[in-house]
Amino acid sequence: MLATGRLAEANYLVTGDKGLLQLRRYAGMQIVSPREFLEVLQHERTAGGGEP
């Protein structure tokens, strides 16, 4: 997963894997739980931002 996210230049890696979640960041990606990512999306929507 980490390599795929890095190659895709992803901003977020959404996972339930506790080991990955402990990293919090990797190669410029934020590593978040599905719940945390929903909060990011909700914040972007209310802030009027486009893509998260």
PDB file of N, CA and C in Angstrom:
ATOM      1  N   MET A   1       0.814  -1.196   0.000  1.00  0.00           N
ATOM      2  CA  MET A   1       0.000   0.000   0.000  1.00  0.00           C
ATOM      3  C   MET A   1       0.857   1.260   0.000  1.00  0.00           C
ATOM      4  N   LEU A   2       1.901   1.270   0.795  1.00  0.00           N
ATOM      5  CA  LEU A   2       2.744   2.463   0.875  1.00  0.00           C
ATOM      6  C   LEU A   2       3.387   2.787  -0.467  1.00  0.00           C
ATOM      7  N   ALA A   3       3.882   1.770  -1.129  1.00  0.00           N
ATOM      8  CA  ALA A   3       4.536   1.996  -2.420  1.00  0.00           C
ATOM      9  C   ALA A   3       3.541   2.514  -3.449  1.00  0.00           C
ATOM     10  N   THR A   4       2.351   1.953  -3.477  1.00  0.00           N
ATOM     11  CA  THR A   4       1.325   2.389  -4.420  1.00  0.00           C
ATOM     12  C   THR A   4       0.942   3.843  -4.164  1.00  0.00           C
ATOM     13  N   GLY A   5       0.745   4.182  -2.916  1.00  0.00           N
ATOM     14  CA  GLY A   5       0.408   5.566  -2.561  1.00  0.00           C
ATOM     15  C   GLY A   5       1.518   6.532  -2.927  1.00  0.00           C
ATOM     16  N   ARG A   6       2.753   6.119  -2.702  1.00  0.00           N
ATOM     17  CA  ARG A   6       3.898   6.977  -3.032  1.00  0.00           C
ATOM     18  C   ARG A   6       3.989   7.180  -4.533  1.00  0.00           C
ATOM     19  N   LEU A   7       3.872   6.108  -5.294  1.00  0.00           N
ATOM     20  CA  LEU A   7       3.957   6.208  -6.755  1.00  0.00           C
ATOM     21  C   LEU A   7       2.813   7.029  -7.338  1.00  0.00           C
ATOM     22  N   ALA A   8       1.648   6.946  -6.709  1.00  0.00           N
ATOM     23  CA  ALA A   8       0.484   7.707  -7.178  1.00  0.00           C
ATOM     24  C   ALA A   8       0.512   9.152  -6.684  1.00  0.00           C
ATOM     25  N   GLU A   9       1.497   9.467  -5.846  1.00  0.00           N
ATOM     26  CA  GLU A   9       1.606  10.789  -5.233  1.00  0.00           C
ATOM     27  C   GLU A   9       0.311  11.167  -4.505  1.00  0.00           C
ATOM     28  N   ALA A  10      -0.227  10.185  -3.785  1.00  0.00           N
ATOM     29  CA  ALA A  10      -1.480  10.365  -3.050  1.00  0.00           C
ATOM     30  C   ALA A  10      -1.283  11.312  -1.873  1.00  0.00           C
ATOM     31  N   ASN A  11      -2.319  12.041  -1.550  1.00  0.00           N
ATOM     32  CA  ASN A  11      -2.296  12.914  -0.377  1.00  0.00           C
ATOM     33  C   ASN A  11      -2.672  12.152   0.886  1.00  0.00           C
ATOM     34  N   TYR A  12      -3.522  11.135   0.717  1.00  0.00           N
ATOM     35  CA  TYR A  12      -4.004  10.363   1.855  1.00  0.00           C
ATOM     36  C   TYR A  12      -3.930   8.884   1.562  1.00  0.00           C
ATOM     37  N   LEU A  13      -3.634   8.109   2.602  1.00  0.00           N
ATOM     38  CA  LEU A  13      -3.765   6.666   2.571  1.00  0.00           C
ATOM     39  C   LEU A  13      -4.798   6.345   3.640  1.00  0.00           C
ATOM     40  N   VAL A  14      -5.908   5.780   3.232  1.00  0.00           N
ATOM     41  CA  VAL A  14      -6.999   5.463   4.151  1.00  0.00           C
ATOM     42  C   VAL A  14      -6.922   3.974   4.453  1.00  0.00           C
ATOM     43  N   THR A  15      -6.796   3.645   5.738  1.00  0.00           N
ATOM     44  CA  THR A  15      -6.599   2.251   6.131  1.00  0.00           C
ATOM     45  C   THR A  15      -7.127   1.996   7.537  1.00  0.00           C
ATOM     46  N   GLY A  16      -7.386   0.741   7.797  1.00  0.00           N
ATOM     47  CA  GLY A  16      -7.732   0.307   9.143  1.00  0.00           C
ATOM     48  C   GLY A  16      -6.573  -0.427   9.803  1.00  0.00           C
ATOM     49  N   ASP A  17      -5.461  -0.539   9.090  1.00  0.00           N
ATOM     50  CA  ASP A  17      -4.287  -1.247   9.588  1.00  0.00           C
ATOM     51  C   ASP A  17      -3.628  -0.439  10.705  1.00  0.00           C
ATOM     52  N   LYS A  18      -3.621  -0.997  11.900  1.00  0.00           N
ATOM     53  CA  LYS A  18      -3.110  -0.265  13.066  1.00  0.00           C
ATOM     54  C   LYS A  18      -1.624   0.067  12.945  1.00  0.00           C
ATOM     55  N   GLY A  19      -0.857  -0.815  12.332  1.00  0.00           N
ATOM     56  CA  GLY A  19       0.567  -0.549  12.147  1.00  0.00           C
ATOM     57  C   GLY A  19       0.803   0.644  11.235  1.00  0.00           C
ATOM     58  N   LEU A  20       0.063   0.709  10.136  1.00  0.00           N
ATOM     59  CA  LEU A  20       0.193   1.842   9.230  1.00  0.00           C
ATOM     60  C   LEU A  20      -0.317   3.126   9.872  1.00  0.00           C
ATOM     61  N   LEU A  21      -1.404   3.031  10.612  1.00  0.00           N
ATOM     62  CA  LEU A  21      -1.967   4.223  11.264  1.00  0.00           C
ATOM     63  C   LEU A  21      -0.976   4.835  12.251  1.00  0.00           C
ATOM     64  N   GLN A  22      -0.129   4.020  12.850  1.00  0.00           N
ATOM     65  CA  GLN A  22       0.858   4.539  13.793  1.00  0.00           C
ATOM     66  C   GLN A  22       1.901   5.408  13.102  1.00  0.00           C
ATOM     67  N   LEU A  23       2.125   5.177  11.816  1.00  0.00           N
ATOM     68  CA  LEU A  23       3.100   5.991  11.076  1.00  0.00           C
ATOM     69  C   LEU A  23       2.620   7.438  10.934  1.00  0.00           C
ATOM     70  N   ARG A  24       1.333   7.637  10.753  1.00  0.00           N
ATOM     71  CA  ARG A  24       0.679   8.941  10.578  1.00  0.00           C
ATOM     72  C   ARG A  24       1.034   9.636   9.265  1.00  0.00           C
ATOM     73  N   ARG A  25       2.291   9.552   8.812  1.00  0.00           N
ATOM     74  CA  ARG A  25       2.716  10.158   7.541  1.00  0.00           C
ATOM     75  C   ARG A  25       3.763   9.251   6.894  1.00  0.00           C
ATOM     76  N   TYR A  26       3.759   9.282   5.562  1.00  0.00           N
ATOM     77  CA  TYR A  26       4.785   8.542   4.820  1.00  0.00           C
ATOM     78  C   TYR A  26       4.892   9.169   3.433  1.00  0.00           C
ATOM     79  N   ALA A  27       6.079   9.560   3.060  1.00  0.00           N
ATOM     80  CA  ALA A  27       6.349  10.102   1.719  1.00  0.00           C
ATOM     81  C   ALA A  27       5.343  11.175   1.312  1.00  0.00           C
ATOM     82  N   GLY A  28       5.013  12.053   2.241  1.00  0.00           N
ATOM     83  CA  GLY A  28       4.100  13.149   1.938  1.00  0.00           C
ATOM     84  C   GLY A  28       2.630  12.813   2.062  1.00  0.00           C
ATOM     85  N   MET A  29       2.302  11.556   2.342  1.00  0.00           N
ATOM     86  CA  MET A  29       0.903  11.142   2.520  1.00  0.00           C
ATOM     87  C   MET A  29       0.530  11.182   3.985  1.00  0.00           C
ATOM     88  N   GLN A  30      -0.686  11.590   4.251  1.00  0.00           N
ATOM     89  CA  GLN A  30      -1.231  11.423   5.586  1.00  0.00           C
ATOM     90  C   GLN A  30      -1.869  10.047   5.628  1.00  0.00           C
ATOM     91  N   ILE A  31      -1.618   9.307   6.680  1.00  0.00           N
ATOM     92  CA  ILE A  31      -2.207   7.977   6.850  1.00  0.00           C
ATOM     93  C   ILE A  31      -3.305   8.108   7.893  1.00  0.00           C
ATOM     94  N   VAL A  32      -4.538   7.855   7.467  1.00  0.00           N
ATOM     95  CA  VAL A  32      -5.698   8.104   8.317  1.00  0.00           C
ATOM     96  C   VAL A  32      -6.661   6.924   8.278  1.00  0.00           C
ATOM     97  N   SER A  33      -7.490   6.848   9.313  1.00  0.00           N
ATOM     98  CA  SER A  33      -8.551   5.845   9.360  1.00  0.00           C
ATOM     99  C   SER A  33      -9.702   6.306   8.476  1.00  0.00           C
ATOM    100  N   PRO A  34     -10.600   5.400   8.119  1.00  0.00           N
ATOM    101  CA  PRO A  34     -11.770   5.818   7.336  1.00  0.00           C
ATOM    102  C   PRO A  34     -12.561   6.925   8.029  1.00  0.00           C
ATOM    103  N   ARG A  35     -12.701   6.854   9.336  1.00  0.00           N
ATOM    104  CA  ARG A  35     -13.434   7.879  10.078  1.00  0.00           C
ATOM    105  C   ARG A  35     -12.737   9.238   9.973  1.00  0.00           C
ATOM    106  N   GLU A  36     -11.414   9.234  10.131  1.00  0.00           N
ATOM    107  CA  GLU A  36     -10.654  10.481  10.011  1.00  0.00           C
ATOM    108  C   GLU A  36     -10.787  11.068   8.605  1.00  0.00           C
ATOM    109  N   PHE A  37     -10.792  10.197   7.593  1.00  0.00           N
ATOM    110  CA  PHE A  37     -10.900  10.692   6.225  1.00  0.00           C
ATOM    111  C   PHE A  37     -12.279  11.296   5.976  1.00  0.00           C
ATOM    112  N   LEU A  38     -13.322  10.708   6.540  1.00  0.00           N
ATOM    113  CA  LEU A  38     -14.660  11.304   6.415  1.00  0.00           C
ATOM    114  C   LEU A  38     -14.686  12.698   7.034  1.00  0.00           C
ATOM    115  N   GLU A  39     -13.984  12.858   8.152  1.00  0.00           N
ATOM    116  CA  GLU A  39     -13.907  14.180   8.777  1.00  0.00           C
ATOM    117  C   GLU A  39     -13.194  15.167   7.871  1.00  0.00           C
ATOM    118  N   VAL A  40     -12.138  14.721   7.189  1.00  0.00           N
ATOM    119  CA  VAL A  40     -11.422  15.578   6.238  1.00  0.00           C
ATOM    120  C   VAL A  40     -12.375  16.007   5.125  1.00  0.00           C
ATOM    121  N   LEU A  41     -13.108  15.052   4.577  1.00  0.00           N
ATOM    122  CA  LEU A  41     -14.050  15.360   3.499  1.00  0.00           C
ATOM    123  C   LEU A  41     -15.135  16.326   3.949  1.00  0.00           C
ATOM    124  N   GLN A  42     -15.657  16.113   5.152  1.00  0.00           N
ATOM    125  CA  GLN A  42     -16.694  17.004   5.674  1.00  0.00           C
ATOM    126  C   GLN A  42     -16.138  18.402   5.876  1.00  0.00           C
ATOM    127  N   HIS A  43     -14.921  18.505   6.371  1.00  0.00           N
ATOM    128  CA  HIS A  43     -14.305  19.809   6.578  1.00  0.00           C
ATOM    129  C   HIS A  43     -14.115  20.525   5.247  1.00  0.00           C
ATOM    130  N   GLU A  44     -13.637  19.794   4.243  1.00  0.00           N
ATOM    131  CA  GLU A  44     -13.432  20.383   2.916  1.00  0.00           C
ATOM    132  C   GLU A  44     -14.758  20.874   2.338  1.00  0.00           C
ATOM    133  N   ARG A  45     -15.807  20.096   2.533  1.00  0.00           N
ATOM    134  CA  ARG A  45     -17.112  20.464   1.997  1.00  0.00           C
ATOM    135  C   ARG A  45     -17.636  21.738   2.656  1.00  0.00           C
ATOM    136  N   THR A  46     -17.493  21.847   3.975  1.00  0.00           N
ATOM    137  CA  THR A  46     -18.010  23.015   4.679  1.00  0.00           C
ATOM    138  C   THR A  46     -17.114  24.224   4.492  1.00  0.00           C
ATOM    139  N   ALA A  47     -15.822  23.998   4.242  1.00  0.00           N
ATOM    140  CA  ALA A  47     -14.896  25.114   4.026  1.00  0.00           C
ATOM    141  C   ALA A  47     -14.936  25.621   2.591  1.00  0.00           C
ATOM    142  N   GLY A  48     -15.664  24.908   1.742  1.00  0.00           N
ATOM    143  CA  GLY A  48     -15.768  25.316   0.358  1.00  0.00           C
ATOM    144  C   GLY A  48     -14.581  24.940  -0.486  1.00  0.00           C
ATOM    145  N   GLY A  49     -13.718  24.083   0.076  1.00  0.00           N
ATOM    146  CA  GLY A  49     -12.554  23.637  -0.677  1.00  0.00           C
ATOM    147  C   GLY A  49     -12.950  22.605  -1.709  1.00  0.00           C
ATOM    148  N   GLY A  50     -12.132  22.421  -2.672  1.00  0.00           N
ATOM    149  CA  GLY A  50     -12.388  21.431  -3.713  1.00  0.00           C
ATOM    150  C   GLY A  50     -11.922  20.079  -3.285  1.00  0.00           C
ATOM    151  N   GLU A  51     -10.932  19.556  -3.952  1.00  0.00           N
ATOM    152  CA  GLU A  51     -10.386  18.249  -3.646  1.00  0.00           C
ATOM    153  C   GLU A  51      -9.676  18.262  -2.295  1.00  0.00           C
ATOM    154  N   PRO A  52      -9.815  17.179  -1.497  1.00  0.00           N
ATOM    155  CA  PRO A  52      -9.112  17.115  -0.205  1.00  0.00           C
ATOM    156  C   PRO A  52      -7.626  16.966  -0.368  1.00  0.00           C
TER     157      PRO A  52
END
